[in-house]
Amino acid sequence: MHGRLQFAILLYTVIGTVLTPSVADAAPLAGRKGIKETLASKMQITYEVVLDKDEMSVFVVNGNGRSDLDCYLYDDQKNLVGKDDDNTDTCVVRVMPDKVARYTFVVKNVGEKSNSFVGSIF
């Protein structure tokens, strides 16, 4: 369990540029946060997460098998700090921050079909 994992989600529907952002949850969260989405082909969704220093955080996504999902994690300076961009729709990205900061987790559907996925951030 992560004692002080704070979670703030900004959901974006993207086709090249941001179309509709909406804040889903900004309350502190201990432990795991579940996500469930459906992404059309060539779309992406972005989650913003505040992570604690020196606590391992794991981002996991499991799709329905219809298309390839790629996942990217960026720090508060927009540096790529983790990714899973193989040819599957399962992603696992781990990070142990060296400071408390806001991270951006991006799930992209790079396939030709829509993909419904579930995931966890813990």
PDB file of N, CA and C in Angstrom:
ATOM      1  N   MET A   1       0.838  -1.183   0.000  1.00  0.00           N
ATOM      2  CA  MET A   1       0.000   0.000   0.000  1.00  0.00           C
ATOM      3  C   MET A   1       0.879   1.240   0.000  1.00  0.00           C
ATOM      4  N   HIS A   2       0.434   2.253  -0.655  1.00  0.00           N
ATOM      5  CA  HIS A   2       1.136   3.514  -0.693  1.00  0.00           C
ATOM      6  C   HIS A   2       0.381   4.498   0.186  1.00  0.00           C
ATOM      7  N   GLY A   3       1.001   4.851   1.316  1.00  0.00           N
ATOM      8  CA  GLY A   3       0.324   5.641   2.313  1.00  0.00           C
ATOM      9  C   GLY A   3      -0.218   6.968   1.825  1.00  0.00           C
ATOM     10  N   ARG A   4       0.571   7.724   1.073  1.00  0.00           N
ATOM     11  CA  ARG A   4       0.129   9.056   0.727  1.00  0.00           C
ATOM     12  C   ARG A   4       0.040   9.279  -0.769  1.00  0.00           C
ATOM     13  N   LEU A   5      -0.225   8.245  -1.510  1.00  0.00           N
ATOM     14  CA  LEU A   5      -0.391   8.403  -2.949  1.00  0.00           C
ATOM     15  C   LEU A   5      -1.570   9.319  -3.200  1.00  0.00           C
ATOM     16  N   GLN A   6      -1.313  10.402  -3.891  1.00  0.00           N
ATOM     17  CA  GLN A   6      -2.385  11.338  -4.212  1.00  0.00           C
ATOM     18  C   GLN A   6      -2.715  11.192  -5.673  1.00  0.00           C
ATOM     19  N   PHE A   7      -3.982  11.344  -5.973  1.00  0.00           N
ATOM     20  CA  PHE A   7      -4.409  11.065  -7.320  1.00  0.00           C
ATOM     21  C   PHE A   7      -5.246  12.205  -7.864  1.00  0.00           C
ATOM     22  N   ALA A   8      -4.856  12.715  -8.974  1.00  0.00           N
ATOM     23  CA  ALA A   8      -5.670  13.718  -9.667  1.00  0.00           C
ATOM     24  C   ALA A   8      -5.690  13.312 -11.124  1.00  0.00           C
ATOM     25  N   ILE A   9      -6.862  13.104 -11.660  1.00  0.00           N
ATOM     26  CA  ILE A   9      -6.965  12.637 -13.041  1.00  0.00           C
ATOM     27  C   ILE A   9      -7.505  13.756 -13.908  1.00  0.00           C
ATOM     28  N   LEU A  10      -6.837  13.975 -15.000  1.00  0.00           N
ATOM     29  CA  LEU A  10      -7.384  14.807 -16.051  1.00  0.00           C
ATOM     30  C   LEU A  10      -7.586  13.895 -17.234  1.00  0.00           C
ATOM     31  N   LEU A  11      -8.819  13.734 -17.658  1.00  0.00           N
ATOM     32  CA  LEU A  11      -9.116  12.855 -18.771  1.00  0.00           C
ATOM     33  C   LEU A  11      -9.169  13.677 -20.050  1.00  0.00           C
ATOM     34  N   TYR A  12      -8.498  13.212 -21.064  1.00  0.00           N
ATOM     35  CA  TYR A  12      -8.476  13.914 -22.332  1.00  0.00           C
ATOM     36  C   TYR A  12      -8.877  12.961 -23.448  1.00  0.00           C
ATOM     37  N   THR A  13      -9.694  13.432 -24.340  1.00  0.00           N
ATOM     38  CA  THR A  13      -9.957  12.721 -25.569  1.00  0.00           C
ATOM     39  C   THR A  13      -9.144  13.450 -26.627  1.00  0.00           C
ATOM     40  N   VAL A  14      -8.296  12.731 -27.349  1.00  0.00           N
ATOM     41  CA  VAL A  14      -7.334  13.386 -28.214  1.00  0.00           C
ATOM     42  C   VAL A  14      -7.402  12.844 -29.629  1.00  0.00           C
ATOM     43  N   ILE A  15      -7.432  13.736 -30.572  1.00  0.00           N
ATOM     44  CA  ILE A  15      -7.207  13.409 -31.981  1.00  0.00           C
ATOM     45  C   ILE A  15      -6.205  14.446 -32.459  1.00  0.00           C
ATOM     46  N   GLY A  16      -4.949  14.198 -32.201  1.00  0.00           N
ATOM     47  CA  GLY A  16      -3.919  15.158 -32.559  1.00  0.00           C
ATOM     48  C   GLY A  16      -3.783  16.280 -31.547  1.00  0.00           C
ATOM     49  N   THR A  17      -4.887  16.870 -31.108  1.00  0.00           N
ATOM     50  CA  THR A  17      -4.867  17.907 -30.087  1.00  0.00           C
ATOM     51  C   THR A  17      -5.922  17.593 -29.041  1.00  0.00           C
ATOM     52  N   VAL A  18      -5.841  18.268 -27.910  1.00  0.00           N
ATOM     53  CA  VAL A  18      -6.794  18.029 -26.830  1.00  0.00           C
ATOM     54  C   VAL A  18      -8.152  18.594 -27.213  1.00  0.00           C
ATOM     55  N   LEU A  19      -9.186  17.779 -27.074  1.00  0.00           N
ATOM     56  CA  LEU A  19     -10.539  18.218 -27.390  1.00  0.00           C
ATOM     57  C   LEU A  19     -11.358  18.502 -26.143  1.00  0.00           C
ATOM     58  N   THR A  20     -11.389  17.576 -25.176  1.00  0.00           N
ATOM     59  CA  THR A  20     -12.240  17.756 -24.008  1.00  0.00           C
ATOM     60  C   THR A  20     -11.565  17.282 -22.727  1.00  0.00           C
ATOM     61  N   PRO A  21     -10.993  18.201 -21.941  1.00  0.00           N
ATOM     62  CA  PRO A  21     -10.458  17.788 -20.646  1.00  0.00           C
ATOM     63  C   PRO A  21     -11.532  17.842 -19.569  1.00  0.00           C
ATOM     64  N   SER A  22     -11.455  16.928 -18.601  1.00  0.00           N
ATOM     65  CA  SER A  22     -12.353  16.994 -17.453  1.00  0.00           C
ATOM     66  C   SER A  22     -11.658  16.390 -16.244  1.00  0.00           C
ATOM     67  N   VAL A  23     -11.785  17.026 -15.097  1.00  0.00           N
ATOM     68  CA  VAL A  23     -11.163  16.517 -13.874  1.00  0.00           C
ATOM     69  C   VAL A  23     -12.065  15.440 -13.302  1.00  0.00           C
ATOM     70  N   ALA A  24     -11.509  14.245 -13.112  1.00  0.00           N
ATOM     71  CA  ALA A  24     -12.303  13.124 -12.624  1.00  0.00           C
ATOM     72  C   ALA A  24     -12.211  12.970 -11.110  1.00  0.00           C
ATOM     73  N   ASP A  25     -11.025  13.215 -10.520  1.00  0.00           N
ATOM     74  CA  ASP A  25     -10.858  12.984  -9.088  1.00  0.00           C
ATOM     75  C   ASP A  25      -9.607  13.698  -8.619  1.00  0.00           C
ATOM     76  N   ALA A  26      -9.715  14.470  -7.565  1.00  0.00           N
ATOM     77  CA  ALA A  26      -8.548  15.186  -7.062  1.00  0.00           C
ATOM     78  C   ALA A  26      -8.306  14.905  -5.590  1.00  0.00           C
ATOM     79  N   ALA A  27      -8.934  13.903  -5.031  1.00  0.00           N
ATOM     80  CA  ALA A  27      -8.799  13.592  -3.613  1.00  0.00           C
ATOM     81  C   ALA A  27      -7.571  12.727  -3.365  1.00  0.00           C
ATOM     82  N   PRO A  28      -6.937  12.861  -2.183  1.00  0.00           N
ATOM     83  CA  PRO A  28      -5.832  11.963  -1.836  1.00  0.00           C
ATOM     84  C   PRO A  28      -6.311  10.517  -1.840  1.00  0.00           C
ATOM     85  N   LEU A  29      -5.433   9.625  -2.230  1.00  0.00           N
ATOM     86  CA  LEU A  29      -5.802   8.222  -2.332  1.00  0.00           C
ATOM     87  C   LEU A  29      -4.684   7.362  -1.772  1.00  0.00           C
ATOM     88  N   ALA A  30      -5.027   6.441  -0.913  1.00  0.00           N
ATOM     89  CA  ALA A  30      -4.056   5.462  -0.435  1.00  0.00           C
ATOM     90  C   ALA A  30      -4.333   4.158  -1.167  1.00  0.00           C
ATOM     91  N   GLY A  31      -3.279   3.501  -1.630  1.00  0.00           N
ATOM     92  CA  GLY A  31      -3.473   2.212  -2.268  1.00  0.00           C
ATOM     93  C   GLY A  31      -3.689   2.298  -3.758  1.00  0.00           C
ATOM     94  N   ARG A  32      -4.675   1.581  -4.261  1.00  0.00           N
ATOM     95  CA  ARG A  32      -4.868   1.364  -5.684  1.00  0.00           C
ATOM     96  C   ARG A  32      -5.991   2.228  -6.239  1.00  0.00           C
ATOM     97  N   LYS A  33      -5.804   2.693  -7.473  1.00  0.00           N
ATOM     98  CA  LYS A  33      -6.841   3.416  -8.201  1.00  0.00           C
ATOM     99  C   LYS A  33      -7.146   2.636  -9.455  1.00  0.00           C
ATOM    100  N   GLY A  34      -8.405   2.258  -9.635  1.00  0.00           N
ATOM    101  CA  GLY A  34      -8.805   1.517 -10.820  1.00  0.00           C
ATOM    102  C   GLY A  34      -9.209   2.452 -11.944  1.00  0.00           C
ATOM    103  N   ILE A  35      -8.928   2.035 -13.162  1.00  0.00           N
ATOM    104  CA  ILE A  35      -9.343   2.788 -14.336  1.00  0.00           C
ATOM    105  C   ILE A  35     -10.018   1.827 -15.309  1.00  0.00           C
ATOM    106  N   LYS A  36     -10.976   2.356 -16.073  1.00  0.00           N
ATOM    107  CA  LYS A  36     -11.684   1.563 -17.075  1.00  0.00           C
ATOM    108  C   LYS A  36     -12.094   2.515 -18.184  1.00  0.00           C
ATOM    109  N   GLU A  37     -11.651   2.244 -19.393  1.00  0.00           N
ATOM    110  CA  GLU A  37     -11.905   3.144 -20.514  1.00  0.00           C
ATOM    111  C   GLU A  37     -12.056   2.345 -21.801  1.00  0.00           C
ATOM    112  N   THR A  38     -12.626   2.982 -22.799  1.00  0.00           N
ATOM    113  CA  THR A  38     -12.628   2.473 -24.157  1.00  0.00           C
ATOM    114  C   THR A  38     -12.017   3.544 -25.037  1.00  0.00           C
ATOM    115  N   LEU A  39     -11.005   3.163 -25.796  1.00  0.00           N
ATOM    116  CA  LEU A  39     -10.330   4.093 -26.700  1.00  0.00           C
ATOM    117  C   LEU A  39     -10.584   3.677 -28.138  1.00  0.00           C
ATOM    118  N   ALA A  40     -11.030   4.617 -28.944  1.00  0.00           N
ATOM    119  CA  ALA A  40     -11.152   4.372 -30.376  1.00  0.00           C
ATOM    120  C   ALA A  40      -9.752   4.298 -30.986  1.00  0.00           C
ATOM    121  N   SER A  41      -9.666   3.799 -32.187  1.00  0.00           N
ATOM    122  CA  SER A  41      -8.402   3.709 -32.899  1.00  0.00           C
ATOM    123  C   SER A  41      -7.713   5.068 -32.964  1.00  0.00           C
ATOM    124  N   LYS A  42      -6.411   5.075 -32.686  1.00  0.00           N
ATOM    125  CA  LYS A  42      -5.553   6.268 -32.779  1.00  0.00           C
ATOM    126  C   LYS A  42      -5.888   7.339 -31.744  1.00  0.00           C
ATOM    127  N   MET A  43      -6.581   6.975 -30.681  1.00  0.00           N
ATOM    128  CA  MET A  43      -6.921   7.911 -29.609  1.00  0.00           C
ATOM    129  C   MET A  43      -6.007   7.664 -28.415  1.00  0.00           C
ATOM    130  N   GLN A  44      -6.011   8.605 -27.461  1.00  0.00           N
ATOM    131  CA  GLN A  44      -5.246   8.437 -26.235  1.00  0.00           C
ATOM    132  C   GLN A  44      -5.997   9.064 -25.075  1.00  0.00           C
ATOM    133  N   ILE A  45      -5.622   8.650 -23.866  1.00  0.00           N
ATOM    134  CA  ILE A  45      -6.175   9.226 -22.643  1.00  0.00           C
ATOM    135  C   ILE A  45      -5.013   9.504 -21.708  1.00  0.00           C
ATOM    136  N   THR A  46      -5.118  10.588 -20.952  1.00  0.00           N
ATOM    137  CA  THR A  46      -4.038  11.037 -20.083  1.00  0.00           C
ATOM    138  C   THR A  46      -4.522  11.099 -18.646  1.00  0.00           C
ATOM    139  N   TYR A  47      -3.710  10.583 -17.722  1.00  0.00           N
ATOM    140  CA  TYR A  47      -3.986  10.638 -16.290  1.00  0.00           C
ATOM    141  C   TYR A  47      -2.859  11.408 -15.631  1.00  0.00           C
ATOM    142  N   GLU A  48      -3.179  12.386 -14.802  1.00  0.00           N
ATOM    143  CA  GLU A  48      -2.162  13.083 -14.030  1.00  0.00           C
ATOM    144  C   GLU A  48      -2.201  12.563 -12.607  1.00  0.00           C
ATOM    145  N   VAL A  49      -1.023  12.211 -12.085  1.00  0.00           N
ATOM    146  CA  VAL A  49      -0.918  11.553 -10.795  1.00  0.00           C
ATOM    147  C   VAL A  49       0.191  12.211  -9.983  1.00  0.00           C
ATOM    148  N   VAL A  50      -0.086  12.531  -8.722  1.00  0.00           N
ATOM    149  CA  VAL A  50       0.948  13.020  -7.817  1.00  0.00           C
ATOM    150  C   VAL A  50       1.482  11.817  -7.062  1.00  0.00           C
ATOM    151  N   LEU A  51       2.796  11.577  -7.202  1.00  0.00           N
ATOM    152  CA  LEU A  51       3.432  10.422  -6.564  1.00  0.00           C
ATOM    153  C   LEU A  51       4.371  10.875  -5.459  1.00  0.00           C
ATOM    154  N   ASP A  52       4.493  10.052  -4.418  1.00  0.00           N
ATOM    155  CA  ASP A  52       5.372  10.330  -3.297  1.00  0.00           C
ATOM    156  C   ASP A  52       6.805   9.911  -3.584  1.00  0.00           C
ATOM    157  N   LYS A  53       7.718  10.562  -2.926  1.00  0.00           N
ATOM    158  CA  LYS A  53       9.149  10.258  -3.018  1.00  0.00           C
ATOM    159  C   LYS A  53       9.434   8.871  -2.435  1.00  0.00           C
ATOM    160  N   ASP A  54      10.314   8.147  -3.115  1.00  0.00           N
ATOM    161  CA  ASP A  54      10.834   6.863  -2.635  1.00  0.00           C
ATOM    162  C   ASP A  54       9.770   5.789  -2.408  1.00  0.00           C
ATOM    163  N   GLU A  55       8.627   5.887  -3.086  1.00  0.00           N
ATOM    164  CA  GLU A  55       7.607   4.836  -3.030  1.00  0.00           C
ATOM    165  C   GLU A  55       7.390   4.296  -4.440  1.00  0.00           C
ATOM    166  N   MET A  56       7.601   2.986  -4.617  1.00  0.00           N
ATOM    167  CA  MET A  56       7.398   2.353  -5.915  1.00  0.00           C
ATOM    168  C   MET A  56       5.938   2.474  -6.325  1.00  0.00           C
ATOM    169  N   SER A  57       5.706   2.954  -7.533  1.00  0.00           N
ATOM    170  CA  SER A  57       4.357   3.025  -8.097  1.00  0.00           C
ATOM    171  C   SER A  57       4.343   2.204  -9.373  1.00  0.00           C
ATOM    172  N   VAL A  58       3.235   1.490  -9.590  1.00  0.00           N
ATOM    173  CA  VAL A  58       3.097   0.616 -10.753  1.00  0.00           C
ATOM    174  C   VAL A  58       1.817   0.992 -11.491  1.00  0.00           C
ATOM    175  N   PHE A  59       1.933   1.142 -12.797  1.00  0.00           N
ATOM    176  CA  PHE A  59       0.810   1.453 -13.678  1.00  0.00           C
ATOM    177  C   PHE A  59       0.586   0.223 -14.549  1.00  0.00           C
ATOM    178  N   VAL A  60      -0.628  -0.341 -14.499  1.00  0.00           N
ATOM    179  CA  VAL A  60      -0.934  -1.570 -15.230  1.00  0.00           C
ATOM    180  C   VAL A  60      -2.185  -1.345 -16.076  1.00  0.00           C
ATOM    181  N   VAL A  61      -2.130  -1.770 -17.344  1.00  0.00           N
ATOM    182  CA  VAL A  61      -3.271  -1.679 -18.256  1.00  0.00           C
ATOM    183  C   VAL A  61      -3.423  -3.021 -18.956  1.00  0.00           C
ATOM    184  N   ASN A  62      -4.665  -3.528 -19.032  1.00  0.00           N
ATOM    185  CA  ASN A  62      -4.974  -4.772 -19.748  1.00  0.00           C
ATOM    186  C   ASN A  62      -6.133  -4.509 -20.700  1.00  0.00           C
ATOM    187  N   GLY A  63      -5.868  -4.633 -21.992  1.00  0.00           N
ATOM    188  CA  GLY A  63      -6.892  -4.397 -23.003  1.00  0.00           C
ATOM    189  C   GLY A  63      -7.678  -5.642 -23.340  1.00  0.00           C
ATOM    190  N   ASN A  64      -8.605  -5.489 -24.300  1.00  0.00           N
ATOM    191  CA  ASN A  64      -9.481  -6.594 -24.692  1.00  0.00           C
ATOM    192  C   ASN A  64      -8.920  -7.429 -25.847  1.00  0.00           C
ATOM    193  N   GLY A  65      -7.699  -7.139 -26.305  1.00  0.00           N
ATOM    194  CA  GLY A  65      -7.060  -7.942 -27.339  1.00  0.00           C
ATOM    195  C   GLY A  65      -7.328  -7.496 -28.760  1.00  0.00           C
ATOM    196  N   ARG A  66      -8.109  -6.441 -28.948  1.00  0.00           N
ATOM    197  CA  ARG A  66      -8.483  -6.017 -30.301  1.00  0.00           C
ATOM    198  C   ARG A  66      -7.445  -5.143 -30.987  1.00  0.00           C
ATOM    199  N   SER A  67      -6.590  -4.467 -30.208  1.00  0.00           N
ATOM    200  CA  SER A  67      -5.592  -3.589 -30.816  1.00  0.00           C
ATOM    201  C   SER A  67      -4.450  -3.352 -29.839  1.00  0.00           C
ATOM    202  N   ASP A  68      -3.372  -2.792 -30.330  1.00  0.00           N
ATOM    203  CA  ASP A  68      -2.168  -2.524 -29.552  1.00  0.00           C
ATOM    204  C   ASP A  68      -2.348  -1.264 -28.710  1.00  0.00           C
ATOM    205  N   LEU A  69      -2.068  -1.363 -27.401  1.00  0.00           N
ATOM    206  CA  LEU A  69      -2.048  -0.208 -26.515  1.00  0.00           C
ATOM    207  C   LEU A  69      -0.617   0.055 -26.077  1.00  0.00           C
ATOM    208  N   ASP A  70      -0.199   1.301 -26.119  1.00  0.00           N
ATOM    209  CA  ASP A  70       1.117   1.709 -25.638  1.00  0.00           C
ATOM    210  C   ASP A  70       0.938   2.676 -24.478  1.00  0.00           C
ATOM    211  N   CYS A  71       1.843   2.606 -23.497  1.00  0.00           N
ATOM    212  CA  CYS A  71       1.742   3.427 -22.293  1.00  0.00           C
ATOM    213  C   CYS A  71       3.049   4.168 -22.057  1.00  0.00           C
ATOM    214  N   TYR A  72       2.923   5.426 -21.641  1.00  0.00           N
ATOM    215  CA  TYR A  72       4.075   6.292 -21.411  1.00  0.00           C
ATOM    216  C   TYR A  72       3.881   7.043 -20.100  1.00  0.00           C
ATOM    217  N   LEU A  73       4.966   7.220 -19.343  1.00  0.00           N
ATOM    218  CA  LEU A  73       4.937   7.958 -18.095  1.00  0.00           C
ATOM    219  C   LEU A  73       5.957   9.091 -18.166  1.00  0.00           C
ATOM    220  N   TYR A  74       5.482  10.319 -17.911  1.00  0.00           N
ATOM    221  CA  TYR A  74       6.328  11.512 -17.974  1.00  0.00           C
ATOM    222  C   TYR A  74       6.380  12.174 -16.607  1.00  0.00           C
ATOM    223  N   ASP A  75       7.553  12.740 -16.250  1.00  0.00           N
ATOM    224  CA  ASP A  75       7.667  13.459 -14.983  1.00  0.00           C
ATOM    225  C   ASP A  75       7.171  14.894 -15.151  1.00  0.00           C
ATOM    226  N   ASP A  76       7.304  15.689 -14.096  1.00  0.00           N
ATOM    227  CA  ASP A  76       6.795  17.058 -14.111  1.00  0.00           C
ATOM    228  C   ASP A  76       7.575  17.985 -15.042  1.00  0.00           C
ATOM    229  N   GLN A  77       8.705  17.526 -15.552  1.00  0.00           N
ATOM    230  CA  GLN A  77       9.493  18.295 -16.522  1.00  0.00           C
ATOM    231  C   GLN A  77       9.270  17.789 -17.949  1.00  0.00           C
ATOM    232  N   LYS A  78       8.279  16.912 -18.110  1.00  0.00           N
ATOM    233  CA  LYS A  78       7.915  16.306 -19.396  1.00  0.00           C
ATOM    234  C   LYS A  78       8.982  15.357 -19.948  1.00  0.00           C
ATOM    235  N   ASN A  79       9.823  14.823 -19.049  1.00  0.00           N
ATOM    236  CA  ASN A  79      10.795  13.798 -19.425  1.00  0.00           C
ATOM    237  C   ASN A  79      10.132  12.433 -19.371  1.00  0.00           C
ATOM    238  N   LEU A  80      10.371  11.598 -20.372  1.00  0.00           N
ATOM    239  CA  LEU A  80       9.865  10.232 -20.368  1.00  0.00           C
ATOM    240  C   LEU A  80      10.639   9.436 -19.326  1.00  0.00           C
ATOM    241  N   VAL A  81       9.922   8.873 -18.328  1.00  0.00           N
ATOM    242  CA  VAL A  81      10.582   8.119 -17.261  1.00  0.00           C
ATOM    243  C   VAL A  81      10.220   6.643 -17.269  1.00  0.00           C
ATOM    244  N   GLY A  82       9.259   6.253 -18.103  1.00  0.00           N
ATOM    245  CA  GLY A  82       8.892   4.854 -18.225  1.00  0.00           C
ATOM    246  C   GLY A  82       7.957   4.653 -19.398  1.00  0.00           C
ATOM    247  N   LYS A  83       8.028   3.457 -20.000  1.00  0.00           N
ATOM    248  CA  LYS A  83       7.128   3.167 -21.115  1.00  0.00           C
ATOM    249  C   LYS A  83       6.975   1.669 -21.291  1.00  0.00           C
ATOM    250  N   ASP A  84       5.894   1.302 -21.943  1.00  0.00           N
ATOM    251  CA  ASP A  84       5.654  -0.063 -22.388  1.00  0.00           C
ATOM    252  C   ASP A  84       4.991   0.074 -23.748  1.00  0.00           C
ATOM    253  N   ASP A  85       5.794  -0.072 -24.795  1.00  0.00           N
ATOM    254  CA  ASP A  85       5.291   0.154 -26.154  1.00  0.00           C
ATOM    255  C   ASP A  85       5.532  -1.046 -27.065  1.00  0.00           C
ATOM    256  N   ASP A  86       5.389  -2.238 -26.468  1.00  0.00           N
ATOM    257  CA  ASP A  86       5.523  -3.449 -27.281  1.00  0.00           C
ATOM    258  C   ASP A  86       4.271  -3.634 -28.139  1.00  0.00           C
ATOM    259  N   ASN A  87       4.128  -4.764 -28.781  1.00  0.00           N
ATOM    260  CA  ASN A  87       3.021  -5.003 -29.719  1.00  0.00           C
ATOM    261  C   ASN A  87       1.823  -5.703 -29.075  1.00  0.00           C
ATOM    262  N   THR A  88       1.583  -5.454 -27.776  1.00  0.00           N
ATOM    263  CA  THR A  88       0.444  -6.059 -27.084  1.00  0.00           C
ATOM    264  C   THR A  88      -0.463  -4.957 -26.537  1.00  0.00           C
ATOM    265  N   ASP A  89      -1.570  -5.358 -25.946  1.00  0.00           N
ATOM    266  CA  ASP A  89      -2.426  -4.378 -25.289  1.00  0.00           C
ATOM    267  C   ASP A  89      -2.371  -4.530 -23.771  1.00  0.00           C
ATOM    268  N   THR A  90      -1.240  -5.019 -23.276  1.00  0.00           N
ATOM    269  CA  THR A  90      -0.953  -5.077 -21.849  1.00  0.00           C
ATOM    270  C   THR A  90       0.253  -4.194 -21.571  1.00  0.00           C
ATOM    271  N   CYS A  91       0.122  -3.301 -20.601  1.00  0.00           N
ATOM    272  CA  CYS A  91       1.224  -2.399 -20.237  1.00  0.00           C
ATOM    273  C   CYS A  91       1.518  -2.521 -18.745  1.00  0.00           C
ATOM    274  N   VAL A  92       2.795  -2.483 -18.412  1.00  0.00           N
ATOM    275  CA  VAL A  92       3.242  -2.378 -17.028  1.00  0.00           C
ATOM    276  C   VAL A  92       4.384  -1.363 -17.011  1.00  0.00           C
ATOM    277  N   VAL A  93       4.192  -0.299 -16.234  1.00  0.00           N
ATOM    278  CA  VAL A  93       5.217   0.741 -16.109  1.00  0.00           C
ATOM    279  C   VAL A  93       5.448   0.973 -14.622  1.00  0.00           C
ATOM    280  N   ARG A  94       6.722   0.931 -14.211  1.00  0.00           N
ATOM    281  CA  ARG A  94       7.082   1.119 -12.795  1.00  0.00           C
ATOM    282  C   ARG A  94       7.961   2.357 -12.655  1.00  0.00           C
ATOM    283  N   VAL A  95       7.789   3.059 -11.517  1.00  0.00           N
ATOM    284  CA  VAL A  95       8.638   4.212 -11.222  1.00  0.00           C
ATOM    285  C   VAL A  95       8.788   4.350  -9.713  1.00  0.00           C
ATOM    286  N   MET A  96       9.978   4.763  -9.267  1.00  0.00           N
ATOM    287  CA  MET A  96      10.216   5.120  -7.875  1.00  0.00           C
ATOM    288  C   MET A  96      10.747   6.549  -7.876  1.00  0.00           C
ATOM    289  N   PRO A  97       9.862   7.526  -7.661  1.00  0.00           N
ATOM    290  CA  PRO A  97      10.265   8.935  -7.747  1.00  0.00           C
ATOM    291  C   PRO A  97      11.297   9.312  -6.694  1.00  0.00           C
ATOM    292  N   ASP A  98      12.180  10.241  -7.069  1.00  0.00           N
ATOM    293  CA  ASP A  98      13.165  10.744  -6.116  1.00  0.00           C
ATOM    294  C   ASP A  98      12.696  12.045  -5.466  1.00  0.00           C
ATOM    295  N   LYS A  99      11.445  12.464  -5.808  1.00  0.00           N
ATOM    296  CA  LYS A  99      10.831  13.633  -5.187  1.00  0.00           C
ATOM    297  C   LYS A  99       9.318  13.525  -5.353  1.00  0.00           C
ATOM    298  N   VAL A 100       8.578  14.254  -4.524  1.00  0.00           N
ATOM    299  CA  VAL A 100       7.129  14.333  -4.698  1.00  0.00           C
ATOM    300  C   VAL A 100       6.889  15.195  -5.931  1.00  0.00           C
ATOM    301  N   ALA A 101       6.128  14.668  -6.874  1.00  0.00           N
ATOM    302  CA  ALA A 101       5.900  15.405  -8.119  1.00  0.00           C
ATOM    303  C   ALA A 101       4.659  14.887  -8.836  1.00  0.00           C
ATOM    304  N   ARG A 102       4.216  15.682  -9.796  1.00  0.00           N
ATOM    305  CA  ARG A 102       3.093  15.308 -10.657  1.00  0.00           C
ATOM    306  C   ARG A 102       3.646  14.568 -11.865  1.00  0.00           C
ATOM    307  N   TYR A 103       3.070  13.405 -12.141  1.00  0.00           N
ATOM    308  CA  TYR A 103       3.450  12.588 -13.295  1.00  0.00           C
ATOM    309  C   TYR A 103       2.270  12.493 -14.245  1.00  0.00           C
ATOM    310  N   THR A 104       2.563  12.311 -15.516  1.00  0.00           N
ATOM    311  CA  THR A 104       1.537  12.172 -16.536  1.00  0.00           C
ATOM    312  C   THR A 104       1.639  10.778 -17.137  1.00  0.00           C
ATOM    313  N   PHE A 105       0.561  10.009 -17.032  1.00  0.00           N
ATOM    314  CA  PHE A 105       0.493   8.654 -17.572  1.00  0.00           C
ATOM    315  C   PHE A 105      -0.413   8.691 -18.794  1.00  0.00           C
ATOM    316  N   VAL A 106       0.108   8.248 -19.937  1.00  0.00           N
ATOM    317  CA  VAL A 106      -0.622   8.305 -21.205  1.00  0.00           C
ATOM    318  C   VAL A 106      -0.830   6.890 -21.730  1.00  0.00           C
ATOM    319  N   VAL A 107      -2.075   6.572 -22.080  1.00  0.00           N
ATOM    320  CA  VAL A 107      -2.407   5.297 -22.730  1.00  0.00           C
ATOM    321  C   VAL A 107      -2.844   5.639 -24.151  1.00  0.00           C
ATOM    322  N   LYS A 108      -2.160   5.047 -25.135  1.00  0.00           N
ATOM    323  CA  LYS A 108      -2.472   5.303 -26.546  1.00  0.00           C
ATOM    324  C   LYS A 108      -2.939   4.022 -27.216  1.00  0.00           C
ATOM    325  N   ASN A 109      -4.012   4.130 -27.975  1.00  0.00           N
ATOM    326  CA  ASN A 109      -4.447   3.025 -28.819  1.00  0.00           C
ATOM    327  C   ASN A 109      -3.801   3.249 -30.179  1.00  0.00           C
ATOM    328  N   VAL A 110      -2.785   2.470 -30.493  1.00  0.00           N
ATOM    329  CA  VAL A 110      -2.069   2.636 -31.765  1.00  0.00           C
ATOM    330  C   VAL A 110      -2.587   1.675 -32.830  1.00  0.00           C
ATOM    331  N   GLY A 111      -3.613   0.905 -32.477  1.00  0.00           N
ATOM    332  CA  GLY A 111      -4.181  -0.072 -33.407  1.00  0.00           C
ATOM    333  C   GLY A 111      -5.277   0.506 -34.280  1.00  0.00           C
ATOM    334  N   GLU A 112      -5.850  -0.367 -35.112  1.00  0.00           N
ATOM    335  CA  GLU A 112      -6.883   0.025 -36.074  1.00  0.00           C
ATOM    336  C   GLU A 112      -8.303  -0.190 -35.555  1.00  0.00           C
ATOM    337  N   LYS A 113      -8.460  -0.793 -34.352  1.00  0.00           N
ATOM    338  CA  LYS A 113      -9.778  -1.049 -33.783  1.00  0.00           C
ATOM    339  C   LYS A 113      -9.853  -0.417 -32.393  1.00  0.00           C
ATOM    340  N   SER A 114     -11.075  -0.193 -31.921  1.00  0.00           N
ATOM    341  CA  SER A 114     -11.239   0.315 -30.556  1.00  0.00           C
ATOM    342  C   SER A 114     -10.788  -0.748 -29.557  1.00  0.00           C
ATOM    343  N   ASN A 115     -10.447  -0.296 -28.355  1.00  0.00           N
ATOM    344  CA  ASN A 115      -9.976  -1.213 -27.318  1.00  0.00           C
ATOM    345  C   ASN A 115     -10.520  -0.760 -25.985  1.00  0.00           C
ATOM    346  N   SER A 116     -11.223  -1.656 -25.306  1.00  0.00           N
ATOM    347  CA  SER A 116     -11.691  -1.403 -23.947  1.00  0.00           C
ATOM    348  C   SER A 116     -10.667  -1.999 -22.998  1.00  0.00           C
ATOM    349  N   PHE A 117     -10.204  -1.189 -22.038  1.00  0.00           N
ATOM    350  CA  PHE A 117      -9.188  -1.685 -21.125  1.00  0.00           C
ATOM    351  C   PHE A 117      -9.559  -1.375 -19.681  1.00  0.00           C
ATOM    352  N   VAL A 118      -8.975  -2.159 -18.812  1.00  0.00           N
ATOM    353  CA  VAL A 118      -9.037  -1.905 -17.371  1.00  0.00           C
ATOM    354  C   VAL A 118      -7.604  -1.750 -16.909  1.00  0.00           C
ATOM    355  N   GLY A 119      -7.450  -1.081 -15.800  1.00  0.00           N
ATOM    356  CA  GLY A 119      -6.099  -0.885 -15.299  1.00  0.00           C
ATOM    357  C   GLY A 119      -6.098  -0.483 -13.844  1.00  0.00           C
ATOM    358  N   SER A 120      -4.899  -0.396 -13.303  1.00  0.00           N
ATOM    359  CA  SER A 120      -4.692   0.012 -11.929  1.00  0.00           C
ATOM    360  C   SER A 120      -3.441   0.873 -11.843  1.00  0.00           C
ATOM    361  N   ILE A 121      -3.522   1.786 -10.918  1.00  0.00           N
ATOM    362  CA  ILE A 121      -2.343   2.568 -10.553  1.00  0.00           C
ATOM    363  C   ILE A 121      -2.187   2.370  -9.057  1.00  0.00           C
ATOM    364  N   PHE A 122      -1.065   1.794  -8.667  1.00  0.00           N
ATOM    365  CA  PHE A 122      -0.846   1.531  -7.254  1.00  0.00           C
ATOM    366  C   PHE A 122       0.616   1.666  -6.914  1.00  0.00           C
TER     367      PHE A 122
END
